[in-house]
Amino acid sequence: MKPRGIRELDAGPVITNPGNSILIKTGSWRSFMPVSLKENCINCLFCWLYCPDMAVKVNDGKMDGFDYDYCKGCGICALECPGKKGKKAIVMQEEDK
């Protein structure tokens, strides 16, 4: 492979193809996955607000599950969930692989 000259390099930290992150499915990285317990959900949407991967689905202003193609299993959604009457609406469970 022939080395490239400085003028042939890609433009450093510049986004040359906007929106390309949707092509990179990162869900296979996780060891734990969030599970929604609808009966405890108050639809505060803290899970959606704090999710760093935009993996929380929202439909008509209500939490509607997770997009497991992009969820990395970080658990922030479960941590931030206030739940109802002290019972969390999101729990983390070990991923079956």
C-alpha atoms as a PDB file:
ATOM      1  CA  MET A   1       0.000   0.000   0.000  1.00  0.00           C
ATOM      2  CA  LYS A   2       1.419   3.316  -1.055  1.00  0.00           C
ATOM      3  CA  PRO A   3       1.610   5.966   1.734  1.00  0.00           C
ATOM      4  CA  ARG A   4      -0.603   8.988   1.193  1.00  0.00           C
ATOM      5  CA  GLY A   5       0.753  12.503   1.207  1.00  0.00           C
ATOM      6  CA  ILE A   6      -0.522  15.203   3.554  1.00  0.00           C
ATOM      7  CA  ARG A   7      -2.721  16.703   0.856  1.00  0.00           C
ATOM      8  CA  GLU A   8      -4.485  13.355   0.302  1.00  0.00           C
ATOM      9  CA  LEU A   9      -5.607  12.800   3.906  1.00  0.00           C
ATOM     10  CA  ASP A  10      -9.236  13.062   4.959  1.00  0.00           C
ATOM     11  CA  ALA A  11     -10.302  16.233   6.753  1.00  0.00           C
ATOM     12  CA  GLY A  12      -9.598  15.431  10.461  1.00  0.00           C
ATOM     13  CA  PRO A  13     -12.582  15.772  12.818  1.00  0.00           C
ATOM     14  CA  VAL A  14     -14.892  17.147  10.146  1.00  0.00           C
ATOM     15  CA  ILE A  15     -18.224  15.457   9.467  1.00  0.00           C
ATOM     16  CA  THR A  16     -18.058  14.778   5.746  1.00  0.00           C
ATOM     17  CA  ASN A  17     -21.227  12.673   5.599  1.00  0.00           C
ATOM     18  CA  PRO A  18     -23.913  14.030   7.995  1.00  0.00           C
ATOM     19  CA  GLY A  19     -26.241  11.432   9.464  1.00  0.00           C
ATOM     20  CA  ASN A  20     -23.922   8.487   8.910  1.00  0.00           C
ATOM     21  CA  SER A  21     -24.093   7.388  12.573  1.00  0.00           C
ATOM     22  CA  ILE A  22     -27.427   5.697  11.825  1.00  0.00           C
ATOM     23  CA  LEU A  23     -25.479   3.200   9.697  1.00  0.00           C
ATOM     24  CA  ILE A  24     -23.374   2.046  12.665  1.00  0.00           C
ATOM     25  CA  LYS A  25     -25.424  -0.333  14.812  1.00  0.00           C
ATOM     26  CA  THR A  26     -23.780  -0.390  18.247  1.00  0.00           C
ATOM     27  CA  GLY A  27     -26.274  -2.557  20.146  1.00  0.00           C
ATOM     28  CA  SER A  28     -24.090  -5.655  19.937  1.00  0.00           C
ATOM     29  CA  TRP A  29     -21.640  -4.061  22.414  1.00  0.00           C
ATOM     30  CA  ARG A  30     -23.858  -4.382  25.475  1.00  0.00           C
ATOM     31  CA  SER A  31     -23.765  -6.933  28.291  1.00  0.00           C
ATOM     32  CA  PHE A  32     -26.879  -5.596  30.027  1.00  0.00           C
ATOM     33  CA  MET A  33     -30.096  -4.406  28.433  1.00  0.00           C
ATOM     34  CA  PRO A  34     -32.868  -2.148  29.721  1.00  0.00           C
ATOM     35  CA  VAL A  35     -36.319  -3.659  30.107  1.00  0.00           C
ATOM     36  CA  SER A  36     -39.385  -1.460  30.418  1.00  0.00           C
ATOM     37  CA  LEU A  37     -42.001  -2.169  33.074  1.00  0.00           C
ATOM     38  CA  LYS A  38     -44.947  -0.190  31.677  1.00  0.00           C
ATOM     39  CA  GLU A  39     -47.059  -0.519  34.831  1.00  0.00           C
ATOM     40  CA  ASN A  40     -44.488   1.584  36.744  1.00  0.00           C
ATOM     41  CA  CYS A  41     -43.923   4.213  34.021  1.00  0.00           C
ATOM     42  CA  ILE A  42     -45.156   7.775  34.644  1.00  0.00           C
ATOM     43  CA  ASN A  43     -43.997   8.954  31.177  1.00  0.00           C
ATOM     44  CA  CYS A  44     -41.664  11.600  32.586  1.00  0.00           C
ATOM     45  CA  LEU A  45     -39.321  10.837  29.640  1.00  0.00           C
ATOM     46  CA  PHE A  46     -36.204  11.201  31.792  1.00  0.00           C
ATOM     47  CA  CYS A  47     -35.001   8.001  30.095  1.00  0.00           C
ATOM     48  CA  TRP A  48     -35.287   9.671  26.686  1.00  0.00           C
ATOM     49  CA  LEU A  49     -33.705  12.896  27.916  1.00  0.00           C
ATOM     50  CA  TYR A  50     -30.639  11.245  29.476  1.00  0.00           C
ATOM     51  CA  CYS A  51     -30.020   8.455  26.929  1.00  0.00           C
ATOM     52  CA  PRO A  52     -26.690   9.254  25.227  1.00  0.00           C
ATOM     53  CA  ASP A  53     -27.575   7.086  22.212  1.00  0.00           C
ATOM     54  CA  MET A  54     -31.160   8.203  21.518  1.00  0.00           C
ATOM     55  CA  ALA A  55     -32.196   4.558  21.942  1.00  0.00           C
ATOM     56  CA  VAL A  56     -35.416   5.288  23.858  1.00  0.00           C
ATOM     57  CA  LYS A  57     -38.472   5.220  21.603  1.00  0.00           C
ATOM     58  CA  VAL A  58     -41.216   7.790  22.212  1.00  0.00           C
ATOM     59  CA  ASN A  59     -44.656   7.649  20.619  1.00  0.00           C
ATOM     60  CA  ASP A  60     -47.363  10.266  21.264  1.00  0.00           C
ATOM     61  CA  GLY A  61     -45.409  11.710  24.195  1.00  0.00           C
ATOM     62  CA  LYS A  62     -45.041   8.337  25.932  1.00  0.00           C
ATOM     63  CA  MET A  63     -42.111   6.003  26.369  1.00  0.00           C
ATOM     64  CA  ASP A  64     -42.527   3.159  23.878  1.00  0.00           C
ATOM     65  CA  GLY A  65     -39.580   0.829  24.459  1.00  0.00           C
ATOM     66  CA  PHE A  66     -35.986   0.796  23.253  1.00  0.00           C
ATOM     67  CA  ASP A  67     -34.165   0.639  19.949  1.00  0.00           C
ATOM     68  CA  TYR A  68     -31.818  -2.225  20.777  1.00  0.00           C
ATOM     69  CA  ASP A  69     -29.864  -1.699  17.543  1.00  0.00           C
ATOM     70  CA  TYR A  70     -28.296   1.381  19.160  1.00  0.00           C
ATOM     71  CA  CYS A  71     -28.638   0.826  22.938  1.00  0.00           C
ATOM     72  CA  LYS A  72     -25.217   0.106  24.470  1.00  0.00           C
ATOM     73  CA  GLY A  73     -26.644  -0.964  27.844  1.00  0.00           C
ATOM     74  CA  CYS A  74     -25.079   1.856  29.869  1.00  0.00           C
ATOM     75  CA  GLY A  75     -27.987   1.883  32.362  1.00  0.00           C
ATOM     76  CA  ILE A  76     -28.396   5.667  32.556  1.00  0.00           C
ATOM     77  CA  CYS A  77     -32.082   5.326  31.677  1.00  0.00           C
ATOM     78  CA  ALA A  78     -32.659   2.949  34.614  1.00  0.00           C
ATOM     79  CA  LEU A  79     -30.629   5.140  36.964  1.00  0.00           C
ATOM     80  CA  GLU A  80     -32.595   8.304  36.114  1.00  0.00           C
ATOM     81  CA  CYS A  81     -36.025   6.634  36.099  1.00  0.00           C
ATOM     82  CA  PRO A  82     -38.091   7.817  39.102  1.00  0.00           C
ATOM     83  CA  GLY A  83     -40.757   5.174  38.526  1.00  0.00           C
ATOM     84  CA  LYS A  84     -44.079   5.072  40.331  1.00  0.00           C
ATOM     85  CA  LYS A  85     -44.413   4.678  44.101  1.00  0.00           C
ATOM     86  CA  GLY A  86     -40.741   3.765  44.493  1.00  0.00           C
ATOM     87  CA  LYS A  87     -40.807   1.068  41.797  1.00  0.00           C
ATOM     88  CA  LYS A  88     -38.578   1.683  38.777  1.00  0.00           C
ATOM     89  CA  ALA A  89     -40.096   1.495  35.302  1.00  0.00           C
ATOM     90  CA  ILE A  90     -36.760   0.471  33.767  1.00  0.00           C
ATOM     91  CA  VAL A  91     -34.554  -2.324  35.046  1.00  0.00           C
ATOM     92  CA  MET A  92     -31.319  -3.654  33.636  1.00  0.00           C
ATOM     93  CA  GLN A  93     -31.035  -7.360  32.959  1.00  0.00           C
ATOM     94  CA  GLU A  94     -28.169  -9.417  31.672  1.00  0.00           C
ATOM     95  CA  GLU A  95     -28.175  -9.827  27.904  1.00  0.00           C
ATOM     96  CA  ASP A  96     -28.628 -13.376  26.621  1.00  0.00           C
ATOM     97  CA  LYS A  97     -26.192 -13.924  23.797  1.00  0.00           C
END
